[in-house]
C-alpha atoms as a PDB file:
ATOM      1  CA  UNK A   1      29.552 -38.653 -56.193  1.00  0.00           C
ATOM      2  CA  UNK A   2      32.321 -36.752 -54.470  1.00  0.00           C
ATOM      3  CA  UNK A   3      30.513 -35.720 -51.271  1.00  0.00           C
ATOM      4  CA  UNK A   4      31.003 -38.381 -48.645  1.00  0.00           C
ATOM      5  CA  UNK A   5      28.262 -39.483 -46.201  1.00  0.00           C
ATOM      6  CA  UNK A   6      27.544 -36.973 -43.409  1.00  0.00           C
ATOM      7  CA  UNK A   7      29.354 -34.198 -45.267  1.00  0.00           C
ATOM      8  CA  UNK A   8      28.516 -30.574 -44.568  1.00  0.00           C
ATOM      9  CA  UNK A   9      28.355 -28.436 -47.689  1.00  0.00           C
ATOM     10  CA  UNK A  10      28.424 -24.671 -47.130  1.00  0.00           C
ATOM     11  CA  UNK A  11      27.383 -22.555 -50.130  1.00  0.00           C
ATOM     12  CA  UNK A  12      28.277 -18.878 -49.931  1.00  0.00           C
ATOM     13  CA  UNK A  13      27.693 -15.960 -52.268  1.00  0.00           C
ATOM     14  CA  UNK A  14      25.415 -13.022 -53.031  1.00  0.00           C
ATOM     15  CA  UNK A  15      21.665 -12.695 -53.689  1.00  0.00           C
ATOM     16  CA  UNK A  16      21.683 -15.545 -56.229  1.00  0.00           C
ATOM     17  CA  UNK A  17      22.799 -17.871 -53.441  1.00  0.00           C
ATOM     18  CA  UNK A  18      20.815 -16.122 -50.687  1.00  0.00           C
ATOM     19  CA  UNK A  19      17.466 -16.243 -52.498  1.00  0.00           C
ATOM     20  CA  UNK A  20      15.375 -15.480 -49.406  1.00  0.00           C
ATOM     21  CA  UNK A  21      17.068 -17.874 -47.037  1.00  0.00           C
ATOM     22  CA  UNK A  22      15.621 -17.653 -43.555  1.00  0.00           C
ATOM     23  CA  UNK A  23      17.556 -15.939 -40.796  1.00  0.00           C
ATOM     24  CA  UNK A  24      15.687 -16.836 -37.580  1.00  0.00           C
ATOM     25  CA  UNK A  25      18.535 -15.865 -35.269  1.00  0.00           C
ATOM     26  CA  UNK A  26      20.845 -13.732 -37.333  1.00  0.00           C
ATOM     27  CA  UNK A  27      23.020 -14.057 -40.392  1.00  0.00           C
ATOM     28  CA  UNK A  28      25.924 -15.831 -38.744  1.00  0.00           C
ATOM     29  CA  UNK A  29      23.885 -18.840 -37.701  1.00  0.00           C
ATOM     30  CA  UNK A  30      22.311 -21.613 -39.708  1.00  0.00           C
ATOM     31  CA  UNK A  31      19.327 -20.279 -41.589  1.00  0.00           C
ATOM     32  CA  UNK A  32      16.879 -21.734 -44.048  1.00  0.00           C
ATOM     33  CA  UNK A  33      17.921 -23.085 -47.391  1.00  0.00           C
ATOM     34  CA  UNK A  34      16.307 -20.383 -49.540  1.00  0.00           C
ATOM     35  CA  UNK A  35      14.338 -20.730 -52.765  1.00  0.00           C
ATOM     36  CA  UNK A  36      17.069 -20.919 -55.397  1.00  0.00           C
ATOM     37  CA  UNK A  37      19.763 -23.220 -56.714  1.00  0.00           C
ATOM     38  CA  UNK A  38      20.925 -24.078 -53.192  1.00  0.00           C
ATOM     39  CA  UNK A  39      17.490 -25.474 -52.381  1.00  0.00           C
ATOM     40  CA  UNK A  40      17.530 -27.516 -55.599  1.00  0.00           C
ATOM     41  CA  UNK A  41      20.971 -28.921 -54.789  1.00  0.00           C
ATOM     42  CA  UNK A  42      19.778 -29.834 -51.297  1.00  0.00           C
ATOM     43  CA  UNK A  43      16.589 -31.460 -52.589  1.00  0.00           C
ATOM     44  CA  UNK A  44      18.308 -33.470 -55.314  1.00  0.00           C
ATOM     45  CA  UNK A  45      21.056 -34.687 -52.988  1.00  0.00           C
ATOM     46  CA  UNK A  46      18.414 -35.852 -50.526  1.00  0.00           C
ATOM     47  CA  UNK A  47      16.331 -37.506 -53.252  1.00  0.00           C
ATOM     48  CA  UNK A  48      19.200 -39.489 -54.776  1.00  0.00           C
ATOM     49  CA  UNK A  49      21.416 -40.041 -51.726  1.00  0.00           C
ATOM     50  CA  UNK A  50      19.029 -40.121 -48.732  1.00  0.00           C
ATOM     51  CA  UNK A  51      21.242 -42.499 -46.756  1.00  0.00           C
ATOM     52  CA  UNK A  52      24.213 -40.117 -46.921  1.00  0.00           C
ATOM     53  CA  UNK A  53      22.725 -37.461 -44.644  1.00  0.00           C
ATOM     54  CA  UNK A  54      24.439 -34.573 -46.425  1.00  0.00           C
ATOM     55  CA  UNK A  55      23.875 -31.207 -44.758  1.00  0.00           C
ATOM     56  CA  UNK A  56      23.601 -28.173 -47.023  1.00  0.00           C
ATOM     57  CA  UNK A  57      24.049 -24.747 -45.399  1.00  0.00           C
ATOM     58  CA  UNK A  58      23.154 -21.576 -47.306  1.00  0.00           C
ATOM     59  CA  UNK A  59      25.312 -18.592 -46.361  1.00  0.00           C
ATOM     60  CA  UNK A  60      24.491 -16.304 -49.274  1.00  0.00           C
ATOM     61  CA  UNK A  61      23.845 -12.628 -48.529  1.00  0.00           C
ATOM     62  CA  UNK A  62      22.149 -10.311 -50.992  1.00  0.00           C
ATOM     63  CA  UNK A  63      24.260  -7.467 -52.350  1.00  0.00           C
ATOM     64  CA  UNK A  64      27.585  -9.007 -51.361  1.00  0.00           C
ATOM     65  CA  UNK A  65      30.851  -8.555 -53.189  1.00  0.00           C
ATOM     66  CA  UNK A  66      34.038 -10.500 -52.507  1.00  0.00           C
ATOM     67  CA  UNK A  67      34.898  -7.661 -50.106  1.00  0.00           C
ATOM     68  CA  UNK A  68      31.828  -8.511 -48.017  1.00  0.00           C
ATOM     69  CA  UNK A  69      32.696 -12.197 -48.057  1.00  0.00           C
ATOM     70  CA  UNK A  70      36.091 -11.362 -46.594  1.00  0.00           C
ATOM     71  CA  UNK A  71      34.441  -9.410 -43.763  1.00  0.00           C
ATOM     72  CA  UNK A  72      32.255 -12.360 -42.728  1.00  0.00           C
ATOM     73  CA  UNK A  73      34.527 -15.250 -43.697  1.00  0.00           C
ATOM     74  CA  UNK A  74      35.430 -16.263 -40.151  1.00  0.00           C
ATOM     75  CA  UNK A  75      31.851 -16.529 -38.859  1.00  0.00           C
ATOM     76  CA  UNK A  76      30.131 -17.665 -42.043  1.00  0.00           C
ATOM     77  CA  UNK A  77      32.689 -20.149 -43.353  1.00  0.00           C
ATOM     78  CA  UNK A  78      35.555 -21.067 -41.037  1.00  0.00           C
ATOM     79  CA  UNK A  79      33.485 -21.275 -37.852  1.00  0.00           C
ATOM     80  CA  UNK A  80      31.001 -23.581 -39.585  1.00  0.00           C
ATOM     81  CA  UNK A  81      33.759 -26.117 -40.340  1.00  0.00           C
ATOM     82  CA  UNK A  82      32.465 -27.278 -43.711  1.00  0.00           C
ATOM     83  CA  UNK A  83      33.701 -30.452 -45.377  1.00  0.00           C
ATOM     84  CA  UNK A  84      32.883 -28.967 -48.777  1.00  0.00           C
ATOM     85  CA  UNK A  85      32.592 -25.300 -49.700  1.00  0.00           C
ATOM     86  CA  UNK A  86      31.004 -23.692 -52.751  1.00  0.00           C
ATOM     87  CA  UNK A  87      31.680 -20.053 -53.632  1.00  0.00           C
ATOM     88  CA  UNK A  88      29.845 -18.015 -56.258  1.00  0.00           C
ATOM     89  CA  UNK A  89      30.697 -14.319 -56.068  1.00  0.00           C
ATOM     90  CA  UNK A  90      31.459 -11.498 -58.477  1.00  0.00           C
ATOM     91  CA  UNK A  91      28.192 -10.336 -59.988  1.00  0.00           C
ATOM     92  CA  UNK A  92      27.924  -7.274 -57.735  1.00  0.00           C
ATOM     93  CA  UNK A  93      31.655  -6.643 -58.034  1.00  0.00           C
ATOM     94  CA  UNK A  94      31.048  -6.086 -61.754  1.00  0.00           C
ATOM     95  CA  UNK A  95      27.477  -4.754 -61.695  1.00  0.00           C
ATOM     96  CA  UNK A  96      28.190  -1.798 -59.407  1.00  0.00           C
ATOM     97  CA  UNK A  97      30.638  -0.537 -62.016  1.00  0.00           C
ATOM     98  CA  UNK A  98      27.747  -0.248 -64.476  1.00  0.00           C
ATOM     99  CA  UNK A  99      24.619   0.589 -62.480  1.00  0.00           C
ATOM    100  CA  UNK A 100      26.423   2.942 -60.049  1.00  0.00           C
ATOM    101  CA  UNK A 101      29.319   4.266 -62.141  1.00  0.00           C
ATOM    102  CA  UNK A 102      29.850   7.396 -60.017  1.00  0.00           C
ATOM    103  CA  UNK A 103      29.996   5.493 -56.714  1.00  0.00           C
ATOM    104  CA  UNK A 104      33.502   4.230 -57.227  1.00  0.00           C
ATOM    105  CA  UNK A 105      33.881   3.205 -53.582  1.00  0.00           C
ATOM    106  CA  UNK A 106      31.475   0.331 -54.326  1.00  0.00           C
ATOM    107  CA  UNK A 107      33.459  -0.923 -57.317  1.00  0.00           C
ATOM    108  CA  UNK A 108      35.592  -4.026 -56.803  1.00  0.00           C
ATOM    109  CA  UNK A 109      38.043  -3.944 -59.692  1.00  0.00           C
ATOM    110  CA  UNK A 110      39.429  -7.149 -61.070  1.00  0.00           C
ATOM    111  CA  UNK A 111      42.816  -6.879 -59.331  1.00  0.00           C
ATOM    112  CA  UNK A 112      41.177  -6.619 -55.901  1.00  0.00           C
ATOM    113  CA  UNK A 113      38.704  -9.347 -56.829  1.00  0.00           C
ATOM    114  CA  UNK A 114      41.463 -11.799 -57.736  1.00  0.00           C
ATOM    115  CA  UNK A 115      43.638 -10.949 -54.747  1.00  0.00           C
ATOM    116  CA  UNK A 116      40.779 -11.254 -52.238  1.00  0.00           C
ATOM    117  CA  UNK A 117      39.241 -14.426 -53.644  1.00  0.00           C
ATOM    118  CA  UNK A 118      42.638 -16.090 -53.877  1.00  0.00           C
ATOM    119  CA  UNK A 119      43.396 -15.099 -50.285  1.00  0.00           C
ATOM    120  CA  UNK A 120      40.127 -16.564 -48.992  1.00  0.00           C
ATOM    121  CA  UNK A 121      40.576 -19.782 -50.935  1.00  0.00           C
ATOM    122  CA  UNK A 122      44.212 -20.215 -49.861  1.00  0.00           C
ATOM    123  CA  UNK A 123      43.225 -19.652 -46.245  1.00  0.00           C
ATOM    124  CA  UNK A 124      40.446 -22.235 -46.357  1.00  0.00           C
ATOM    125  CA  UNK A 125      41.426 -24.947 -48.855  1.00  0.00           C
ATOM    126  CA  UNK A 126      43.660 -26.994 -46.477  1.00  0.00           C
ATOM    127  CA  UNK A 127      40.709 -27.516 -44.113  1.00  0.00           C
ATOM    128  CA  UNK A 128      38.328 -28.773 -46.797  1.00  0.00           C
ATOM    129  CA  UNK A 129      37.673 -32.143 -48.369  1.00  0.00           C
ATOM    130  CA  UNK A 130      36.556 -30.336 -51.489  1.00  0.00           C
ATOM    131  CA  UNK A 131      35.976 -26.889 -52.953  1.00  0.00           C
ATOM    132  CA  UNK A 132      33.724 -25.726 -55.795  1.00  0.00           C
ATOM    133  CA  UNK A 133      34.292 -22.338 -57.431  1.00  0.00           C
ATOM    134  CA  UNK A 134      31.446 -21.018 -59.592  1.00  0.00           C
ATOM    135  CA  UNK A 135      31.835 -18.086 -61.961  1.00  0.00           C
ATOM    136  CA  UNK A 136      29.667 -14.994 -61.898  1.00  0.00           C
ATOM    137  CA  UNK A 137      27.400 -14.607 -64.932  1.00  0.00           C
ATOM    138  CA  UNK A 138      25.344 -12.136 -66.934  1.00  0.00           C
ATOM    139  CA  UNK A 139      22.409 -13.333 -69.002  1.00  0.00           C
ATOM    140  CA  UNK A 140      23.388 -11.469 -72.137  1.00  0.00           C
ATOM    141  CA  UNK A 141      24.293 -13.548 -75.213  1.00  0.00           C
ATOM    142  CA  UNK A 142      26.209 -10.704 -76.866  1.00  0.00           C
ATOM    143  CA  UNK A 143      29.808 -11.229 -75.755  1.00  0.00           C
ATOM    144  CA  UNK A 144      30.700  -7.692 -76.856  1.00  0.00           C
ATOM    145  CA  UNK A 145      28.255  -6.145 -74.381  1.00  0.00           C
ATOM    146  CA  UNK A 146      30.469  -4.265 -71.872  1.00  0.00           C
ATOM    147  CA  UNK A 147      29.043  -5.841 -68.733  1.00  0.00           C
ATOM    148  CA  UNK A 148      29.034  -9.327 -70.258  1.00  0.00           C
ATOM    149  CA  UNK A 149      32.646  -8.890 -71.377  1.00  0.00           C
ATOM    150  CA  UNK A 150      33.641  -7.735 -67.894  1.00  0.00           C
ATOM    151  CA  UNK A 151      31.823 -10.672 -66.303  1.00  0.00           C
ATOM    152  CA  UNK A 152      33.714 -13.057 -68.574  1.00  0.00           C
ATOM    153  CA  UNK A 153      37.012 -11.555 -67.425  1.00  0.00           C
ATOM    154  CA  UNK A 154      36.042 -12.086 -63.775  1.00  0.00           C
ATOM    155  CA  UNK A 155      34.996 -15.626 -64.651  1.00  0.00           C
ATOM    156  CA  UNK A 156      38.457 -16.254 -66.095  1.00  0.00           C
ATOM    157  CA  UNK A 157      39.910 -15.217 -62.727  1.00  0.00           C
ATOM    158  CA  UNK A 158      37.746 -17.837 -61.009  1.00  0.00           C
ATOM    159  CA  UNK A 159      39.081 -20.486 -63.413  1.00  0.00           C
ATOM    160  CA  UNK A 160      42.652 -19.429 -62.672  1.00  0.00           C
ATOM    161  CA  UNK A 161      42.104 -19.684 -58.910  1.00  0.00           C
ATOM    162  CA  UNK A 162      40.306 -23.029 -59.238  1.00  0.00           C
ATOM    163  CA  UNK A 163      43.244 -24.471 -61.178  1.00  0.00           C
ATOM    164  CA  UNK A 164      45.715 -23.088 -58.646  1.00  0.00           C
ATOM    165  CA  UNK A 165      43.973 -24.544 -55.596  1.00  0.00           C
ATOM    166  CA  UNK A 166      42.670 -27.876 -56.931  1.00  0.00           C
ATOM    167  CA  UNK A 167      39.013 -26.833 -56.859  1.00  0.00           C
ATOM    168  CA  UNK A 168      36.104 -28.059 -58.958  1.00  0.00           C
ATOM    169  CA  UNK A 169      35.312 -25.352 -61.494  1.00  0.00           C
ATOM    170  CA  UNK A 170      31.771 -24.455 -62.613  1.00  0.00           C
ATOM    171  CA  UNK A 171      31.441 -22.193 -65.639  1.00  0.00           C
ATOM    172  CA  UNK A 172      27.954 -20.863 -64.993  1.00  0.00           C
ATOM    173  CA  UNK A 173      28.123 -18.531 -67.995  1.00  0.00           C
ATOM    174  CA  UNK A 174      28.744 -21.489 -70.306  1.00  0.00           C
ATOM    175  CA  UNK A 175      25.824 -23.339 -68.737  1.00  0.00           C
ATOM    176  CA  UNK A 176      23.537 -20.360 -69.361  1.00  0.00           C
ATOM    177  CA  UNK A 177      24.890 -19.813 -72.876  1.00  0.00           C
ATOM    178  CA  UNK A 178      23.582 -23.206 -73.942  1.00  0.00           C
ATOM    179  CA  UNK A 179      20.083 -22.225 -72.810  1.00  0.00           C
ATOM    180  CA  UNK A 180      20.334 -18.683 -74.191  1.00  0.00           C
ATOM    181  CA  UNK A 181      20.958 -20.129 -77.649  1.00  0.00           C
ATOM    182  CA  UNK A 182      17.274 -21.078 -77.652  1.00  0.00           C
ATOM    183  CA  UNK A 183      15.389 -18.590 -75.453  1.00  0.00           C
ATOM    184  CA  UNK A 184      15.391 -14.853 -74.763  1.00  0.00           C
ATOM    185  CA  UNK A 185      17.303 -13.760 -71.620  1.00  0.00           C
ATOM    186  CA  UNK A 186      14.241 -12.227 -69.953  1.00  0.00           C
ATOM    187  CA  UNK A 187      12.709 -15.720 -69.968  1.00  0.00           C
ATOM    188  CA  UNK A 188      15.282 -16.608 -67.313  1.00  0.00           C
ATOM    189  CA  UNK A 189      15.791 -13.278 -65.525  1.00  0.00           C
ATOM    190  CA  UNK A 190      13.971  -9.968 -65.887  1.00  0.00           C
ATOM    191  CA  UNK A 191      17.154  -8.037 -65.083  1.00  0.00           C
ATOM    192  CA  UNK A 192      19.547 -10.578 -66.638  1.00  0.00           C
ATOM    193  CA  UNK A 193      21.012 -11.257 -63.201  1.00  0.00           C
ATOM    194  CA  UNK A 194      18.401 -12.692 -60.804  1.00  0.00           C
ATOM    195  CA  UNK A 195      17.187 -15.933 -62.372  1.00  0.00           C
ATOM    196  CA  UNK A 196      13.756 -17.501 -62.049  1.00  0.00           C
ATOM    197  CA  UNK A 197      13.454 -21.170 -61.104  1.00  0.00           C
ATOM    198  CA  UNK A 198      14.481 -22.322 -64.578  1.00  0.00           C
ATOM    199  CA  UNK A 199      17.648 -20.258 -64.243  1.00  0.00           C
ATOM    200  CA  UNK A 200      18.316 -21.646 -60.786  1.00  0.00           C
ATOM    201  CA  UNK A 201      17.891 -25.131 -62.234  1.00  0.00           C
ATOM    202  CA  UNK A 202      20.663 -24.324 -64.726  1.00  0.00           C
ATOM    203  CA  UNK A 203      22.935 -23.384 -61.821  1.00  0.00           C
ATOM    204  CA  UNK A 204      21.997 -26.439 -59.763  1.00  0.00           C
ATOM    205  CA  UNK A 205      22.626 -28.805 -62.684  1.00  0.00           C
ATOM    206  CA  UNK A 206      26.024 -27.238 -63.370  1.00  0.00           C
ATOM    207  CA  UNK A 207      27.008 -27.561 -59.702  1.00  0.00           C
ATOM    208  CA  UNK A 208      25.823 -31.164 -59.435  1.00  0.00           C
ATOM    209  CA  UNK A 209      27.707 -32.118 -62.580  1.00  0.00           C
ATOM    210  CA  UNK A 210      30.905 -30.794 -60.993  1.00  0.00           C
ATOM    211  CA  UNK A 211      30.550 -33.060 -57.957  1.00  0.00           C
ATOM    212  CA  UNK A 212      29.715 -36.196 -59.922  1.00  0.00           C
ATOM    213  CA  UNK A 213      26.005 -36.374 -59.091  1.00  0.00           C
ATOM    214  CA  UNK A 214      24.244 -39.428 -60.584  1.00  0.00           C
ATOM    215  CA  UNK A 215      20.762 -38.523 -61.828  1.00  0.00           C
ATOM    216  CA  UNK A 216      19.916 -42.197 -62.403  1.00  0.00           C
ATOM    217  CA  UNK A 217      20.691 -43.301 -58.874  1.00  0.00           C
ATOM    218  CA  UNK A 218      17.753 -45.069 -57.279  1.00  0.00           C
ATOM    219  CA  UNK A 219      15.612 -45.009 -60.420  1.00  0.00           C
END
């Protein structure tokens, strides 16, 4: 497993990462772990590697785009001095183009998305032991669906940046596609974006696979 003992893992993103994390003293400080894939990652790391004392910090914020991440990057990433960082962002960057088509000021087009994410990663990568980049996703099996096709293009940008900066890459759409081959999308998310616990388990498993997690450890 790639995370060394006493590592601090910061996981940042939008509402999928946030998932009701507690904010007892404000967003910029350590809050609760939330109720989604971050909490599952934390629980499974503790269960299999209790002696390693890995600290998981959830810095997701609902509604965020990569623009918002840039605005809070200093306080919510750099100031926390993570050993490992996980980023999953892009769903709102795409979604606002479809659910709020007239509000173009909220749209983060793919050129801005790539430039901003690459800038944040380049700025942070030298300080990290490891970096995980997770794609955005849309729980729609039809690849020709406009929003699904757009999400795939943004996911390809994440892959490009991961390759450029020696990051672990997590294709969350591919992980969901395997499940969607057998069950209807609404079984995982009523709006095809915000997953239930089964959907969060898909995300957690994909993340843990990327860091070399051993499910058989201690059994």
